[in-house]
N, C-alpha and C. Protein backbone atom coordinates (compact mmCIF):
# COMPACT_ATOMS: atom_id res chain seq x y z
N MET A 1 -61.42 11.54 -81.85
CA MET A 1 -62.41 10.51 -81.49
C MET A 1 -63.18 10.96 -80.25
N THR A 2 -64.49 10.89 -80.29
CA THR A 2 -65.32 11.36 -79.19
C THR A 2 -65.51 10.27 -78.14
N THR A 3 -65.97 10.73 -76.96
CA THR A 3 -66.26 9.78 -75.89
C THR A 3 -67.30 8.76 -76.34
N ALA A 4 -68.26 9.21 -77.16
CA ALA A 4 -69.32 8.33 -77.63
C ALA A 4 -68.78 7.18 -78.48
N THR A 5 -67.70 7.45 -79.26
CA THR A 5 -67.12 6.38 -80.08
C THR A 5 -66.17 5.51 -79.31
N ILE A 6 -65.52 6.06 -78.27
CA ILE A 6 -64.60 5.28 -77.44
C ILE A 6 -65.37 4.26 -76.60
N GLN A 7 -66.51 4.68 -76.03
CA GLN A 7 -67.25 3.83 -75.10
C GLN A 7 -67.70 2.51 -75.71
N PRO A 8 -68.25 2.49 -76.94
CA PRO A 8 -68.62 1.20 -77.52
C PRO A 8 -67.44 0.25 -77.67
N LYS A 9 -66.25 0.79 -77.98
CA LYS A 9 -65.07 -0.06 -78.11
C LYS A 9 -64.70 -0.67 -76.76
N LEU A 10 -64.77 0.15 -75.69
CA LEU A 10 -64.48 -0.36 -74.36
C LEU A 10 -65.49 -1.44 -73.98
N ASP A 11 -66.76 -1.19 -74.26
CA ASP A 11 -67.80 -2.17 -73.95
C ASP A 11 -67.57 -3.46 -74.72
N SER A 12 -67.12 -3.34 -75.97
CA SER A 12 -66.87 -4.51 -76.79
C SER A 12 -65.75 -5.36 -76.21
N PHE A 13 -64.67 -4.72 -75.75
CA PHE A 13 -63.56 -5.46 -75.13
C PHE A 13 -63.99 -6.11 -73.82
N GLN A 14 -64.80 -5.40 -73.04
CA GLN A 14 -65.27 -5.96 -71.79
C GLN A 14 -66.16 -7.17 -72.02
N THR A 15 -66.98 -7.11 -73.07
CA THR A 15 -67.83 -8.24 -73.43
C THR A 15 -66.98 -9.42 -73.88
N ALA A 16 -65.93 -9.14 -74.67
CA ALA A 16 -65.03 -10.20 -75.13
C ALA A 16 -64.30 -10.83 -73.96
N ARG A 17 -63.93 -10.02 -72.97
CA ARG A 17 -63.22 -10.53 -71.80
C ARG A 17 -64.14 -11.45 -70.99
N ARG A 18 -65.38 -11.04 -70.84
CA ARG A 18 -66.34 -11.87 -70.12
C ARG A 18 -66.59 -13.18 -70.87
N SER A 19 -66.68 -13.10 -72.18
CA SER A 19 -66.86 -14.31 -72.98
C SER A 19 -65.66 -15.24 -72.85
N MET A 20 -64.45 -14.67 -72.78
CA MET A 20 -63.25 -15.46 -72.58
C MET A 20 -63.35 -16.26 -71.28
N ILE A 21 -63.83 -15.61 -70.23
CA ILE A 21 -63.97 -16.27 -68.93
C ILE A 21 -64.98 -17.42 -69.01
N ASP A 22 -66.15 -17.12 -69.57
CA ASP A 22 -67.25 -18.08 -69.56
C ASP A 22 -67.09 -19.20 -70.58
N CYS A 23 -66.52 -18.88 -71.75
CA CYS A 23 -66.50 -19.86 -72.84
C CYS A 23 -65.17 -20.57 -73.03
N GLN A 24 -64.08 -19.97 -72.55
CA GLN A 24 -62.77 -20.60 -72.70
C GLN A 24 -62.25 -21.16 -71.39
N LEU A 25 -62.30 -20.35 -70.33
CA LEU A 25 -61.68 -20.77 -69.07
C LEU A 25 -62.57 -21.70 -68.25
N ARG A 26 -63.77 -21.26 -67.93
CA ARG A 26 -64.64 -22.08 -67.09
C ARG A 26 -64.95 -23.43 -67.73
N THR A 27 -65.16 -23.43 -69.03
CA THR A 27 -65.50 -24.69 -69.71
C THR A 27 -64.31 -25.65 -69.78
N SER A 28 -63.10 -25.12 -69.51
CA SER A 28 -61.90 -25.98 -69.52
C SER A 28 -61.41 -26.29 -68.12
N GLY A 29 -62.22 -25.96 -67.11
CA GLY A 29 -61.89 -26.33 -65.74
C GLY A 29 -61.16 -25.29 -64.93
N VAL A 30 -60.99 -24.09 -65.47
CA VAL A 30 -60.36 -23.01 -64.70
C VAL A 30 -61.47 -22.25 -63.99
N ASN A 31 -61.60 -22.48 -62.69
CA ASN A 31 -62.71 -21.90 -61.93
C ASN A 31 -62.26 -21.16 -60.68
N ASP A 32 -60.95 -21.06 -60.45
CA ASP A 32 -60.45 -20.33 -59.29
C ASP A 32 -60.86 -18.86 -59.43
N GLU A 33 -61.61 -18.37 -58.45
CA GLU A 33 -62.16 -17.02 -58.56
C GLU A 33 -61.08 -15.93 -58.56
N ARG A 34 -59.97 -16.16 -57.87
CA ARG A 34 -58.89 -15.17 -57.91
C ARG A 34 -58.29 -15.08 -59.30
N VAL A 35 -58.10 -16.22 -59.93
CA VAL A 35 -57.54 -16.25 -61.28
C VAL A 35 -58.51 -15.59 -62.26
N LEU A 36 -59.77 -15.94 -62.17
CA LEU A 36 -60.76 -15.37 -63.08
C LEU A 36 -60.89 -13.87 -62.89
N ALA A 37 -60.81 -13.42 -61.65
CA ALA A 37 -60.90 -11.98 -61.37
C ALA A 37 -59.74 -11.22 -62.02
N ARG A 38 -58.54 -11.79 -61.95
CA ARG A 38 -57.39 -11.13 -62.57
C ARG A 38 -57.54 -11.09 -64.09
N MET A 39 -57.98 -12.18 -64.67
CA MET A 39 -58.10 -12.23 -66.12
C MET A 39 -59.26 -11.38 -66.63
N LEU A 40 -60.22 -11.13 -65.77
CA LEU A 40 -61.30 -10.22 -66.12
C LEU A 40 -60.87 -8.76 -65.99
N SER A 41 -59.88 -8.51 -65.12
CA SER A 41 -59.44 -7.14 -64.85
C SER A 41 -58.41 -6.63 -65.85
N VAL A 42 -57.56 -7.52 -66.37
CA VAL A 42 -56.46 -7.08 -67.22
C VAL A 42 -56.90 -7.00 -68.68
N ALA A 43 -56.66 -5.85 -69.28
CA ALA A 43 -57.05 -5.62 -70.67
C ALA A 43 -56.06 -6.29 -71.61
N ARG A 44 -56.38 -7.48 -72.05
CA ARG A 44 -55.49 -8.24 -72.93
C ARG A 44 -55.22 -7.49 -74.24
N GLU A 45 -56.19 -6.72 -74.69
CA GLU A 45 -56.02 -5.99 -75.95
C GLU A 45 -54.88 -4.97 -75.90
N GLU A 46 -54.47 -4.59 -74.69
CA GLU A 46 -53.36 -3.66 -74.55
C GLU A 46 -52.00 -4.35 -74.60
N HIS A 47 -52.01 -5.67 -74.72
CA HIS A 47 -50.77 -6.45 -74.72
C HIS A 47 -50.52 -7.15 -76.05
N VAL A 48 -51.27 -6.76 -77.07
CA VAL A 48 -51.06 -7.29 -78.42
C VAL A 48 -50.81 -6.12 -79.36
N PRO A 49 -50.25 -6.36 -80.55
CA PRO A 49 -50.06 -5.27 -81.50
C PRO A 49 -51.40 -4.60 -81.84
N ALA A 50 -51.34 -3.32 -82.18
CA ALA A 50 -52.56 -2.57 -82.49
C ALA A 50 -53.40 -3.25 -83.56
N SER A 51 -52.73 -3.87 -84.53
CA SER A 51 -53.45 -4.52 -85.62
C SER A 51 -54.20 -5.77 -85.17
N ALA A 52 -53.88 -6.28 -83.98
CA ALA A 52 -54.50 -7.52 -83.48
C ALA A 52 -55.48 -7.28 -82.34
N ARG A 53 -55.72 -6.02 -81.99
CA ARG A 53 -56.59 -5.73 -80.85
C ARG A 53 -57.98 -6.33 -81.02
N GLY A 54 -58.48 -6.32 -82.25
CA GLY A 54 -59.82 -6.85 -82.49
C GLY A 54 -59.94 -8.35 -82.29
N THR A 55 -58.81 -9.05 -82.28
CA THR A 55 -58.81 -10.50 -82.08
C THR A 55 -58.04 -10.90 -80.82
N ALA A 56 -57.91 -9.97 -79.88
CA ALA A 56 -57.10 -10.20 -78.68
C ALA A 56 -57.61 -11.36 -77.84
N TYR A 57 -58.91 -11.68 -77.92
CA TYR A 57 -59.49 -12.68 -77.04
C TYR A 57 -59.80 -14.01 -77.74
N ILE A 58 -59.28 -14.18 -78.95
CA ILE A 58 -59.48 -15.45 -79.63
C ILE A 58 -58.71 -16.55 -78.90
N ASP A 59 -59.15 -17.78 -79.12
CA ASP A 59 -58.57 -18.91 -78.39
C ASP A 59 -57.34 -19.48 -79.13
N ARG A 60 -56.38 -18.61 -79.41
CA ARG A 60 -55.12 -19.06 -79.99
C ARG A 60 -54.07 -17.98 -79.80
N ALA A 61 -52.82 -18.36 -80.03
CA ALA A 61 -51.70 -17.44 -79.84
C ALA A 61 -51.74 -16.32 -80.89
N ILE A 62 -51.15 -15.18 -80.52
CA ILE A 62 -51.08 -14.02 -81.41
C ILE A 62 -49.62 -13.59 -81.52
N ALA A 63 -49.16 -13.36 -82.74
CA ALA A 63 -47.78 -12.94 -82.96
C ALA A 63 -47.55 -11.53 -82.43
N LEU A 64 -46.38 -11.34 -81.80
CA LEU A 64 -45.98 -10.03 -81.29
C LEU A 64 -44.97 -9.39 -82.24
N GLU A 65 -44.78 -8.11 -82.07
CA GLU A 65 -43.87 -7.38 -82.95
C GLU A 65 -42.41 -7.75 -82.74
N ASN A 66 -42.09 -8.34 -81.57
CA ASN A 66 -40.70 -8.72 -81.29
C ASN A 66 -40.36 -10.11 -81.82
N GLY A 67 -41.29 -10.73 -82.52
CA GLY A 67 -41.06 -12.08 -83.03
C GLY A 67 -41.60 -13.17 -82.11
N GLY A 68 -41.96 -12.82 -80.89
CA GLY A 68 -42.54 -13.78 -79.96
C GLY A 68 -44.04 -13.89 -80.15
N LYS A 69 -44.69 -14.55 -79.19
CA LYS A 69 -46.15 -14.71 -79.26
C LYS A 69 -46.74 -14.58 -77.87
N ILE A 70 -47.95 -14.08 -77.82
CA ILE A 70 -48.74 -14.15 -76.60
C ILE A 70 -49.63 -15.37 -76.74
N ALA A 71 -49.59 -16.25 -75.75
CA ALA A 71 -50.32 -17.51 -75.83
C ALA A 71 -51.83 -17.27 -75.75
N ALA A 72 -52.59 -18.29 -76.07
CA ALA A 72 -54.05 -18.23 -75.94
C ALA A 72 -54.42 -18.00 -74.47
N PRO A 73 -55.55 -17.36 -74.21
CA PRO A 73 -55.95 -17.06 -72.82
C PRO A 73 -55.96 -18.27 -71.90
N LEU A 74 -56.36 -19.43 -72.43
CA LEU A 74 -56.46 -20.62 -71.58
C LEU A 74 -55.13 -20.98 -70.94
N PHE A 75 -54.03 -20.78 -71.64
CA PHE A 75 -52.72 -21.09 -71.06
C PHE A 75 -52.50 -20.30 -69.79
N TYR A 76 -52.81 -19.01 -69.80
CA TYR A 76 -52.58 -18.17 -68.63
C TYR A 76 -53.52 -18.55 -67.48
N GLY A 77 -54.75 -18.88 -67.82
CA GLY A 77 -55.67 -19.33 -66.78
C GLY A 77 -55.20 -20.61 -66.12
N MET A 78 -54.77 -21.58 -66.92
CA MET A 78 -54.29 -22.85 -66.38
C MET A 78 -52.99 -22.68 -65.61
N LEU A 79 -52.10 -21.82 -66.12
CA LEU A 79 -50.82 -21.59 -65.45
C LEU A 79 -51.04 -20.99 -64.06
N LEU A 80 -51.89 -19.97 -63.96
CA LEU A 80 -52.15 -19.34 -62.66
C LEU A 80 -52.92 -20.26 -61.73
N ASP A 81 -53.83 -21.05 -62.30
CA ASP A 81 -54.59 -22.00 -61.50
C ASP A 81 -53.66 -23.03 -60.87
N GLU A 82 -52.67 -23.49 -61.64
CA GLU A 82 -51.70 -24.45 -61.13
C GLU A 82 -50.72 -23.80 -60.16
N ALA A 83 -50.29 -22.59 -60.45
CA ALA A 83 -49.27 -21.92 -59.63
C ALA A 83 -49.82 -21.49 -58.26
N GLN A 84 -51.09 -21.10 -58.22
CA GLN A 84 -51.70 -20.59 -57.00
C GLN A 84 -50.78 -19.55 -56.31
N PRO A 85 -50.51 -18.43 -56.96
CA PRO A 85 -49.64 -17.41 -56.37
C PRO A 85 -50.16 -16.95 -55.00
N LYS A 86 -49.23 -16.75 -54.07
CA LYS A 86 -49.60 -16.36 -52.71
C LYS A 86 -49.09 -14.95 -52.41
N LYS A 87 -49.71 -14.34 -51.43
CA LYS A 87 -49.37 -12.96 -51.07
C LYS A 87 -47.92 -12.81 -50.61
N ASP A 88 -47.30 -13.89 -50.11
CA ASP A 88 -45.91 -13.80 -49.66
C ASP A 88 -44.92 -14.31 -50.70
N ASP A 89 -45.39 -14.65 -51.90
CA ASP A 89 -44.50 -15.15 -52.94
C ASP A 89 -43.63 -14.03 -53.52
N THR A 90 -42.36 -14.37 -53.73
CA THR A 90 -41.49 -13.53 -54.55
C THR A 90 -41.40 -14.22 -55.90
N VAL A 91 -41.73 -13.51 -56.97
CA VAL A 91 -41.98 -14.14 -58.26
C VAL A 91 -41.03 -13.60 -59.33
N LEU A 92 -40.52 -14.52 -60.12
CA LEU A 92 -39.78 -14.16 -61.33
C LEU A 92 -40.61 -14.61 -62.52
N VAL A 93 -40.92 -13.67 -63.41
CA VAL A 93 -41.66 -13.99 -64.62
C VAL A 93 -40.71 -13.92 -65.81
N VAL A 94 -40.64 -15.00 -66.56
CA VAL A 94 -39.92 -15.01 -67.83
C VAL A 94 -40.93 -14.64 -68.90
N ASP A 95 -40.82 -13.41 -69.38
CA ASP A 95 -41.83 -12.83 -70.26
C ASP A 95 -41.47 -13.03 -71.73
N ALA A 96 -42.45 -13.39 -72.52
CA ALA A 96 -42.22 -13.60 -73.95
C ALA A 96 -42.27 -12.30 -74.75
N GLY A 97 -42.62 -11.21 -74.08
CA GLY A 97 -42.61 -9.92 -74.76
C GLY A 97 -43.90 -9.14 -74.71
N SER A 98 -44.98 -9.75 -74.23
CA SER A 98 -46.27 -9.05 -74.22
C SER A 98 -46.51 -8.26 -72.93
N GLY A 99 -45.90 -8.69 -71.83
CA GLY A 99 -46.17 -8.06 -70.54
C GLY A 99 -47.49 -8.49 -69.91
N TYR A 100 -48.20 -9.39 -70.57
CA TYR A 100 -49.52 -9.81 -70.09
C TYR A 100 -49.44 -10.62 -68.80
N LEU A 101 -48.55 -11.60 -68.75
CA LEU A 101 -48.43 -12.42 -67.55
C LEU A 101 -48.00 -11.62 -66.33
N PRO A 102 -46.99 -10.74 -66.44
CA PRO A 102 -46.65 -9.92 -65.27
C PRO A 102 -47.83 -9.07 -64.79
N ALA A 103 -48.62 -8.53 -65.72
CA ALA A 103 -49.77 -7.71 -65.33
C ALA A 103 -50.81 -8.54 -64.58
N LEU A 104 -50.98 -9.79 -64.96
CA LEU A 104 -51.92 -10.67 -64.27
C LEU A 104 -51.45 -10.99 -62.85
N VAL A 105 -50.16 -11.23 -62.70
CA VAL A 105 -49.63 -11.77 -61.45
C VAL A 105 -49.36 -10.70 -60.39
N GLU A 106 -48.93 -9.53 -60.80
CA GLU A 106 -48.37 -8.55 -59.87
C GLU A 106 -49.21 -8.29 -58.62
N PRO A 107 -50.52 -8.06 -58.71
CA PRO A 107 -51.29 -7.77 -57.49
C PRO A 107 -51.49 -8.97 -56.58
N MET A 108 -51.14 -10.15 -57.04
CA MET A 108 -51.41 -11.37 -56.28
C MET A 108 -50.26 -11.75 -55.35
N VAL A 109 -49.10 -11.11 -55.49
CA VAL A 109 -47.88 -11.57 -54.81
C VAL A 109 -47.17 -10.44 -54.09
N ALA A 110 -46.15 -10.81 -53.32
CA ALA A 110 -45.39 -9.81 -52.56
C ALA A 110 -44.52 -8.95 -53.46
N SER A 111 -43.84 -9.58 -54.43
CA SER A 111 -42.97 -8.84 -55.34
C SER A 111 -42.82 -9.62 -56.63
N ILE A 112 -42.47 -8.89 -57.69
CA ILE A 112 -42.32 -9.53 -58.99
C ILE A 112 -41.18 -8.87 -59.76
N ASP A 113 -40.35 -9.69 -60.35
CA ASP A 113 -39.32 -9.23 -61.28
C ASP A 113 -39.58 -9.89 -62.63
N VAL A 114 -39.25 -9.19 -63.69
CA VAL A 114 -39.53 -9.68 -65.04
C VAL A 114 -38.23 -9.70 -65.83
N VAL A 115 -37.99 -10.83 -66.51
CA VAL A 115 -36.82 -10.95 -67.38
C VAL A 115 -37.28 -11.51 -68.72
N SER A 116 -36.48 -11.27 -69.74
CA SER A 116 -36.76 -11.85 -71.04
C SER A 116 -36.28 -13.30 -71.07
N ALA A 117 -36.68 -14.03 -72.09
CA ALA A 117 -36.21 -15.40 -72.24
C ALA A 117 -34.70 -15.45 -72.41
N GLU A 118 -34.15 -14.46 -73.12
CA GLU A 118 -32.69 -14.41 -73.30
C GLU A 118 -31.98 -14.21 -71.97
N GLU A 119 -32.51 -13.32 -71.15
CA GLU A 119 -31.90 -13.06 -69.84
C GLU A 119 -32.03 -14.27 -68.92
N ALA A 120 -33.15 -14.94 -68.98
CA ALA A 120 -33.38 -16.09 -68.09
C ALA A 120 -32.48 -17.27 -68.42
N SER A 121 -32.12 -17.41 -69.69
CA SER A 121 -31.31 -18.56 -70.10
C SER A 121 -29.82 -18.27 -70.10
N ALA A 122 -29.44 -17.01 -69.86
CA ALA A 122 -28.02 -16.64 -69.85
C ALA A 122 -27.43 -16.80 -68.46
N LYS A 123 -26.14 -17.04 -68.39
CA LYS A 123 -25.46 -17.14 -67.11
C LYS A 123 -25.49 -15.78 -66.42
N SER A 124 -25.67 -15.81 -65.10
CA SER A 124 -25.77 -14.57 -64.35
C SER A 124 -25.14 -14.73 -62.98
N ARG A 125 -24.60 -13.63 -62.47
CA ARG A 125 -24.03 -13.64 -61.12
C ARG A 125 -25.03 -13.19 -60.08
N LYS A 126 -26.24 -12.88 -60.52
CA LYS A 126 -27.25 -12.40 -59.58
C LYS A 126 -27.56 -13.49 -58.55
N ARG A 127 -27.66 -13.08 -57.29
CA ARG A 127 -27.88 -14.03 -56.20
C ARG A 127 -29.34 -14.08 -55.75
N LYS A 128 -30.17 -13.16 -56.21
CA LYS A 128 -31.55 -13.12 -55.75
C LYS A 128 -32.27 -14.38 -56.19
N THR A 129 -33.03 -14.95 -55.26
CA THR A 129 -33.80 -16.15 -55.59
C THR A 129 -35.29 -15.88 -55.35
N TYR A 130 -36.10 -16.75 -55.90
CA TYR A 130 -37.54 -16.55 -55.91
C TYR A 130 -38.27 -17.80 -55.46
N SER A 131 -39.41 -17.60 -54.82
CA SER A 131 -40.22 -18.75 -54.38
C SER A 131 -41.06 -19.31 -55.51
N LEU A 132 -41.28 -18.51 -56.57
CA LEU A 132 -42.11 -18.95 -57.69
C LEU A 132 -41.56 -18.38 -58.99
N VAL A 133 -41.37 -19.25 -59.97
CA VAL A 133 -40.95 -18.84 -61.31
C VAL A 133 -42.06 -19.21 -62.29
N LEU A 134 -42.46 -18.25 -63.11
CA LEU A 134 -43.49 -18.47 -64.12
C LEU A 134 -42.89 -18.19 -65.49
N VAL A 135 -43.06 -19.11 -66.41
CA VAL A 135 -42.48 -18.97 -67.74
C VAL A 135 -43.59 -18.83 -68.77
N ASP A 136 -43.53 -17.77 -69.54
CA ASP A 136 -44.57 -17.47 -70.54
C ASP A 136 -44.22 -18.14 -71.87
N GLY A 137 -44.29 -19.47 -71.89
CA GLY A 137 -43.99 -20.21 -73.10
C GLY A 137 -43.60 -21.64 -72.78
N ALA A 138 -43.37 -22.43 -73.84
CA ALA A 138 -42.99 -23.83 -73.68
C ALA A 138 -41.49 -23.99 -73.83
N ILE A 139 -40.86 -24.72 -72.91
CA ILE A 139 -39.42 -24.90 -72.91
C ILE A 139 -39.07 -26.38 -72.94
N GLU A 140 -37.89 -26.68 -73.47
CA GLU A 140 -37.41 -28.07 -73.47
C GLU A 140 -36.74 -28.43 -72.16
N GLN A 141 -36.15 -27.45 -71.50
CA GLN A 141 -35.39 -27.71 -70.28
C GLN A 141 -35.37 -26.46 -69.41
N VAL A 142 -35.11 -26.67 -68.12
CA VAL A 142 -34.85 -25.55 -67.21
C VAL A 142 -33.34 -25.39 -67.13
N PRO A 143 -32.77 -24.35 -67.74
CA PRO A 143 -31.31 -24.20 -67.72
C PRO A 143 -30.81 -23.92 -66.31
N ASP A 144 -29.55 -24.25 -66.06
CA ASP A 144 -28.98 -24.04 -64.73
C ASP A 144 -29.12 -22.58 -64.29
N ALA A 145 -28.95 -21.66 -65.24
CA ALA A 145 -29.02 -20.24 -64.91
C ALA A 145 -30.38 -19.87 -64.32
N LEU A 146 -31.44 -20.48 -64.84
CA LEU A 146 -32.77 -20.20 -64.31
C LEU A 146 -33.02 -20.97 -63.04
N GLY A 147 -32.57 -22.22 -62.98
CA GLY A 147 -32.74 -23.01 -61.78
C GLY A 147 -32.09 -22.38 -60.55
N LYS A 148 -30.97 -21.72 -60.77
CA LYS A 148 -30.25 -21.09 -59.66
C LYS A 148 -30.98 -19.87 -59.12
N ARG A 149 -31.95 -19.39 -59.85
CA ARG A 149 -32.74 -18.26 -59.37
C ARG A 149 -33.91 -18.70 -58.51
N MET A 150 -34.11 -20.01 -58.39
CA MET A 150 -35.19 -20.53 -57.58
C MET A 150 -34.69 -20.82 -56.17
N ALA A 151 -35.44 -20.37 -55.18
CA ALA A 151 -35.11 -20.66 -53.79
C ALA A 151 -35.22 -22.16 -53.55
N ASP A 152 -34.56 -22.64 -52.50
CA ASP A 152 -34.66 -24.05 -52.15
C ASP A 152 -36.12 -24.39 -51.88
N GLY A 153 -36.63 -25.35 -52.61
CA GLY A 153 -38.05 -25.69 -52.49
C GLY A 153 -38.95 -24.82 -53.33
N GLY A 154 -38.36 -23.87 -54.04
CA GLY A 154 -39.15 -22.99 -54.90
C GLY A 154 -39.82 -23.77 -56.01
N ARG A 155 -40.89 -23.24 -56.52
CA ARG A 155 -41.66 -23.95 -57.53
C ARG A 155 -41.65 -23.18 -58.86
N ILE A 156 -41.86 -23.91 -59.93
CA ILE A 156 -41.90 -23.34 -61.26
C ILE A 156 -43.13 -23.88 -61.98
N VAL A 157 -43.80 -23.02 -62.72
CA VAL A 157 -44.90 -23.44 -63.59
C VAL A 157 -44.59 -22.86 -64.97
N THR A 158 -44.67 -23.69 -65.97
CA THR A 158 -44.22 -23.31 -67.30
C THR A 158 -44.92 -24.16 -68.34
N GLY A 159 -44.71 -23.82 -69.58
CA GLY A 159 -45.03 -24.74 -70.65
C GLY A 159 -43.83 -25.65 -70.87
N MET A 160 -44.08 -26.85 -71.37
CA MET A 160 -43.01 -27.82 -71.62
C MET A 160 -43.23 -28.41 -73.01
N VAL A 161 -42.16 -28.52 -73.79
CA VAL A 161 -42.28 -29.12 -75.11
C VAL A 161 -41.42 -30.37 -75.18
N SER A 162 -42.01 -31.46 -75.64
CA SER A 162 -41.31 -32.73 -75.78
C SER A 162 -41.84 -33.44 -77.01
N ASN A 163 -40.91 -33.79 -77.93
CA ASN A 163 -41.30 -34.45 -79.18
C ASN A 163 -42.37 -33.67 -79.93
N GLY A 164 -42.26 -32.35 -79.86
CA GLY A 164 -43.18 -31.49 -80.60
C GLY A 164 -44.52 -31.25 -79.93
N VAL A 165 -44.75 -31.88 -78.77
CA VAL A 165 -46.02 -31.73 -78.05
C VAL A 165 -45.81 -30.78 -76.87
N THR A 166 -46.69 -29.81 -76.71
CA THR A 166 -46.56 -28.86 -75.61
C THR A 166 -47.60 -29.16 -74.52
N ARG A 167 -47.14 -29.05 -73.29
CA ARG A 167 -47.99 -29.29 -72.13
C ARG A 167 -47.70 -28.26 -71.05
N LEU A 168 -48.66 -28.03 -70.19
CA LEU A 168 -48.39 -27.30 -68.97
C LEU A 168 -47.55 -28.21 -68.08
N ALA A 169 -46.62 -27.62 -67.32
CA ALA A 169 -45.76 -28.43 -66.46
C ALA A 169 -45.43 -27.67 -65.18
N THR A 170 -45.11 -28.42 -64.15
CA THR A 170 -44.74 -27.82 -62.87
C THR A 170 -43.54 -28.55 -62.31
N GLY A 171 -42.83 -27.91 -61.40
CA GLY A 171 -41.67 -28.54 -60.79
C GLY A 171 -41.25 -27.79 -59.55
N ARG A 172 -40.29 -28.39 -58.84
CA ARG A 172 -39.73 -27.77 -57.63
C ARG A 172 -38.21 -27.86 -57.69
N GLN A 173 -37.57 -26.89 -57.06
CA GLN A 173 -36.12 -26.87 -57.00
C GLN A 173 -35.64 -27.73 -55.84
N SER A 174 -34.63 -28.55 -56.10
CA SER A 174 -34.04 -29.38 -55.06
C SER A 174 -32.54 -29.43 -55.26
N ALA A 175 -31.86 -30.16 -54.41
CA ALA A 175 -30.42 -30.28 -54.53
C ALA A 175 -30.02 -30.95 -55.84
N ASN A 176 -30.92 -31.69 -56.43
CA ASN A 176 -30.64 -32.39 -57.68
C ASN A 176 -31.04 -31.60 -58.92
N GLY A 177 -31.47 -30.35 -58.71
CA GLY A 177 -31.88 -29.53 -59.84
C GLY A 177 -33.39 -29.40 -59.91
N THR A 178 -33.89 -29.12 -61.10
CA THR A 178 -35.32 -28.89 -61.31
C THR A 178 -35.86 -29.88 -62.32
N ALA A 179 -36.75 -30.73 -61.87
CA ALA A 179 -37.40 -31.69 -62.76
C ALA A 179 -38.82 -31.23 -63.01
N LEU A 180 -39.25 -31.29 -64.28
CA LEU A 180 -40.59 -30.85 -64.64
C LEU A 180 -41.53 -32.04 -64.74
N LEU A 181 -42.72 -31.87 -64.20
CA LEU A 181 -43.78 -32.88 -64.29
C LEU A 181 -44.81 -32.38 -65.29
N PRO A 182 -44.96 -33.06 -66.44
CA PRO A 182 -45.94 -32.61 -67.43
C PRO A 182 -47.36 -32.83 -66.94
N LEU A 183 -48.22 -31.87 -67.26
CA LEU A 183 -49.62 -31.94 -66.85
C LEU A 183 -50.49 -31.99 -68.12
N ALA A 184 -51.40 -31.06 -68.27
CA ALA A 184 -52.34 -31.09 -69.38
C ALA A 184 -51.69 -30.70 -70.71
N GLU A 185 -52.07 -31.40 -71.76
CA GLU A 185 -51.61 -31.04 -73.10
C GLU A 185 -52.40 -29.83 -73.58
N ILE A 186 -51.67 -28.82 -74.06
CA ILE A 186 -52.29 -27.57 -74.49
C ILE A 186 -51.33 -26.87 -75.44
N GLY A 187 -51.87 -26.17 -76.43
CA GLY A 187 -51.01 -25.42 -77.34
C GLY A 187 -50.34 -24.25 -76.65
N ILE A 188 -49.01 -24.19 -76.72
CA ILE A 188 -48.23 -23.13 -76.06
C ILE A 188 -47.10 -22.72 -77.00
N PRO A 189 -46.90 -21.44 -77.24
CA PRO A 189 -45.78 -21.02 -78.08
C PRO A 189 -44.44 -21.47 -77.48
N ARG A 190 -43.55 -21.91 -78.33
CA ARG A 190 -42.25 -22.42 -77.90
C ARG A 190 -41.26 -21.27 -77.72
N LEU A 191 -40.45 -21.36 -76.66
CA LEU A 191 -39.35 -20.43 -76.44
C LEU A 191 -38.06 -21.13 -76.84
N ALA A 192 -37.56 -20.80 -78.02
CA ALA A 192 -36.39 -21.49 -78.55
C ALA A 192 -35.14 -21.27 -77.72
N GLN A 193 -35.13 -20.21 -76.91
CA GLN A 193 -33.96 -19.94 -76.07
C GLN A 193 -33.71 -21.05 -75.05
N PHE A 194 -34.71 -21.88 -74.81
CA PHE A 194 -34.59 -22.95 -73.81
C PHE A 194 -34.46 -24.32 -74.47
N ASP A 195 -34.20 -24.36 -75.77
CA ASP A 195 -34.00 -25.64 -76.43
C ASP A 195 -32.71 -26.31 -75.92
N LYS A 196 -32.76 -27.62 -75.86
CA LYS A 196 -31.54 -28.36 -75.50
C LYS A 196 -30.52 -28.25 -76.63
N PRO A 197 -29.24 -28.21 -76.28
CA PRO A 197 -28.22 -28.16 -77.34
C PRO A 197 -28.34 -29.37 -78.26
N ALA A 198 -28.18 -29.12 -79.54
CA ALA A 198 -28.25 -30.22 -80.49
C ALA A 198 -27.08 -31.17 -80.27
N GLY A 199 -27.37 -32.46 -80.18
CA GLY A 199 -26.31 -33.44 -79.96
C GLY A 199 -25.97 -34.19 -81.22
N TRP A 200 -24.83 -34.83 -81.20
CA TRP A 200 -24.41 -35.66 -82.34
C TRP A 200 -25.21 -36.94 -82.36
N SER A 201 -25.53 -37.40 -83.56
CA SER A 201 -26.17 -38.70 -83.70
C SER A 201 -25.39 -39.52 -84.71
N PHE A 202 -25.29 -40.82 -84.47
CA PHE A 202 -24.51 -41.70 -85.34
C PHE A 202 -25.41 -42.78 -85.92
């Protein structure tokens, strides 16, 4: 493949990225310039399967090869807009498998660690805690294992699923655990690893 054929493809992705900013994010109220700059800089097409690169910027989730999904661009814009990552933040990202969210966040914060949904929901002896936890998907609950990774007063921004409806949600860690406050309703892929245990019904 020659440079002449590569360049139009790059230009096409850059145009799609700009359209994502102007037509999906800004029109939905995501106007934080730091957030928009990151989403304009990160090549989303590199975080989807090769067969989906041509539709990387559509306004819906895309299936990944690991069985997970990368959410629609608006979810990431709203999540970062709500989280407002700071230069002194230590961040834990629960990644759904695309690596897109960690790539967006990394230059904005002091440090970042990435775990899978399975690792985040499993019991761990690790003592490291974080000032900010970001979850790439919708969860039914914050398991104790994940809550214990949050510093006292630490904050979490995630998707939340309740009665089949997904919303952006935020919360803070306290002595009583982590309670999530639902915000805007938005389509977000569900992370089944965070489902509440099925209970008996009579």
